[in-house]
Amino acid sequence: MSRYWFRQKTFGSGATPNTWQGWTLTIVICLCLFGVVLLGPAIRDNAVRALWMVLGIAVTVSVLIFIAYRKTEGCWRSDGGDD
């Protein structure tokens, strides 16, 4: 079993899911983002709603980036392909 859940992208920077664990994490993060956006309109106070949306999205995406970076084989780098 591979200890890396993601692999480097062929073009550009970042990573793409490579195992079922990587795909599961990606789907869970998408569901969490959907939940944050879905619960936003239930908050009546505009300031609290905005804070909920910004912090919810920022924390969720940060978790994905942190785990993906740690579980990617190699390093993230910008690669424009063969030039």
C-alpha atoms as a PDB file:
ATOM      1  CA  MET A   1       0.000   0.000   0.000  1.00  0.00           C
ATOM      2  CA  SER A   2       1.332   3.403  -0.981  1.00  0.00           C
ATOM      3  CA  ARG A   3       1.846   5.898   1.809  1.00  0.00           C
ATOM      4  CA  TYR A   4       1.245   8.717  -0.670  1.00  0.00           C
ATOM      5  CA  TRP A   5      -2.354   9.633  -1.437  1.00  0.00           C
ATOM      6  CA  PHE A   6      -1.589  12.223  -4.119  1.00  0.00           C
ATOM      7  CA  ARG A   7       0.844  12.562  -7.008  1.00  0.00           C
ATOM      8  CA  GLN A   8       2.324  15.590  -8.715  1.00  0.00           C
ATOM      9  CA  LYS A   9       0.353  17.052 -11.556  1.00  0.00           C
ATOM     10  CA  THR A  10       1.887  16.596 -14.994  1.00  0.00           C
ATOM     11  CA  PHE A  11       1.315  20.234 -15.912  1.00  0.00           C
ATOM     12  CA  GLY A  12       1.095  23.166 -13.509  1.00  0.00           C
ATOM     13  CA  SER A  13       1.611  23.021  -9.770  1.00  0.00           C
ATOM     14  CA  GLY A  14      -0.155  21.030  -7.080  1.00  0.00           C
ATOM     15  CA  ALA A  15      -1.292  17.454  -6.755  1.00  0.00           C
ATOM     16  CA  THR A  16      -4.036  15.118  -7.885  1.00  0.00           C
ATOM     17  CA  PRO A  17      -5.561  12.175  -5.980  1.00  0.00           C
ATOM     18  CA  ASN A  18      -3.748   8.928  -6.670  1.00  0.00           C
ATOM     19  CA  THR A  19      -5.324   6.437  -4.240  1.00  0.00           C
ATOM     20  CA  TRP A  20      -8.745   5.788  -2.753  1.00  0.00           C
ATOM     21  CA  GLN A  21      -7.658   7.688   0.383  1.00  0.00           C
ATOM     22  CA  GLY A  22      -6.875  10.782  -1.687  1.00  0.00           C
ATOM     23  CA  TRP A  23     -10.198  10.570  -3.504  1.00  0.00           C
ATOM     24  CA  THR A  24     -12.053  10.028  -0.215  1.00  0.00           C
ATOM     25  CA  LEU A  25     -10.392  13.081   1.326  1.00  0.00           C
ATOM     26  CA  THR A  26     -11.265  15.169  -1.732  1.00  0.00           C
ATOM     27  CA  ILE A  27     -14.920  14.077  -1.611  1.00  0.00           C
ATOM     28  CA  VAL A  28     -15.167  14.701   2.158  1.00  0.00           C
ATOM     29  CA  ILE A  29     -13.709  18.192   1.728  1.00  0.00           C
ATOM     30  CA  CYS A  30     -16.213  18.927  -1.059  1.00  0.00           C
ATOM     31  CA  LEU A  31     -19.068  17.767   1.193  1.00  0.00           C
ATOM     32  CA  CYS A  32     -17.780  19.977   4.015  1.00  0.00           C
ATOM     33  CA  LEU A  33     -17.641  22.978   1.676  1.00  0.00           C
ATOM     34  CA  PHE A  34     -21.172  22.198   0.515  1.00  0.00           C
ATOM     35  CA  GLY A  35     -22.277  22.090   4.171  1.00  0.00           C
ATOM     36  CA  VAL A  36     -20.662  25.445   4.941  1.00  0.00           C
ATOM     37  CA  VAL A  37     -22.384  27.068   1.965  1.00  0.00           C
ATOM     38  CA  LEU A  38     -25.695  25.348   2.691  1.00  0.00           C
ATOM     39  CA  LEU A  39     -25.748  26.456   6.349  1.00  0.00           C
ATOM     40  CA  GLY A  40     -24.771  30.050   5.548  1.00  0.00           C
ATOM     41  CA  PRO A  41     -28.280  31.328   4.682  1.00  0.00           C
ATOM     42  CA  ALA A  42     -29.646  29.909   7.960  1.00  0.00           C
ATOM     43  CA  ILE A  43     -27.627  32.531   9.869  1.00  0.00           C
ATOM     44  CA  ARG A  44     -29.671  35.730  10.114  1.00  0.00           C
ATOM     45  CA  ASP A  45     -26.950  38.211  11.090  1.00  0.00           C
ATOM     46  CA  ASN A  46     -25.055  39.306   7.974  1.00  0.00           C
ATOM     47  CA  ALA A  47     -21.750  39.836   9.803  1.00  0.00           C
ATOM     48  CA  VAL A  48     -21.884  36.410  11.434  1.00  0.00           C
ATOM     49  CA  ARG A  49     -22.917  34.806   8.129  1.00  0.00           C
ATOM     50  CA  ALA A  50     -19.985  36.403   6.322  1.00  0.00           C
ATOM     51  CA  LEU A  51     -17.595  35.326   9.082  1.00  0.00           C
ATOM     52  CA  TRP A  52     -19.009  31.767   8.941  1.00  0.00           C
ATOM     53  CA  MET A  53     -18.561  31.580   5.181  1.00  0.00           C
ATOM     54  CA  VAL A  54     -15.036  33.014   5.097  1.00  0.00           C
ATOM     55  CA  LEU A  55     -13.702  31.023   8.055  1.00  0.00           C
ATOM     56  CA  GLY A  56     -15.507  27.824   7.071  1.00  0.00           C
ATOM     57  CA  ILE A  57     -14.156  27.873   3.542  1.00  0.00           C
ATOM     58  CA  ALA A  58     -10.660  28.979   4.613  1.00  0.00           C
ATOM     59  CA  VAL A  59     -10.320  26.286   7.281  1.00  0.00           C
ATOM     60  CA  THR A  60     -11.712  23.525   5.059  1.00  0.00           C
ATOM     61  CA  VAL A  61      -9.454  24.366   2.105  1.00  0.00           C
ATOM     62  CA  SER A  62      -6.455  24.770   4.431  1.00  0.00           C
ATOM     63  CA  VAL A  63      -7.017  21.264   5.799  1.00  0.00           C
ATOM     64  CA  LEU A  64      -7.107  19.868   2.258  1.00  0.00           C
ATOM     65  CA  ILE A  65      -3.945  21.710   1.238  1.00  0.00           C
ATOM     66  CA  PHE A  66      -2.078  20.667   4.389  1.00  0.00           C
ATOM     67  CA  ILE A  67      -2.949  16.975   4.090  1.00  0.00           C
ATOM     68  CA  ALA A  68      -2.414  16.885   0.323  1.00  0.00           C
ATOM     69  CA  TYR A  69       0.994  18.544   0.676  1.00  0.00           C
ATOM     70  CA  ARG A  70       2.068  16.051   3.350  1.00  0.00           C
ATOM     71  CA  LYS A  71       0.728  13.048   1.427  1.00  0.00           C
ATOM     72  CA  THR A  72       2.118  13.942  -2.025  1.00  0.00           C
ATOM     73  CA  GLU A  73       5.005  11.973  -3.467  1.00  0.00           C
ATOM     74  CA  GLY A  74       7.764  14.454  -4.275  1.00  0.00           C
ATOM     75  CA  CYS A  75       7.228  18.175  -3.977  1.00  0.00           C
ATOM     76  CA  TRP A  76       4.793  20.639  -5.486  1.00  0.00           C
ATOM     77  CA  ARG A  77       6.449  22.594  -8.234  1.00  0.00           C
ATOM     78  CA  SER A  78       5.439  24.532 -11.271  1.00  0.00           C
ATOM     79  CA  ASP A  79       6.149  22.543 -14.410  1.00  0.00           C
ATOM     80  CA  GLY A  80       5.046  23.811 -17.772  1.00  0.00           C
ATOM     81  CA  GLY A  81       5.892  20.563 -19.517  1.00  0.00           C
ATOM     82  CA  ASP A  82       8.477  20.070 -22.229  1.00  0.00           C
ATOM     83  CA  ASP A  83       9.521  23.401 -23.727  1.00  0.00           C
END
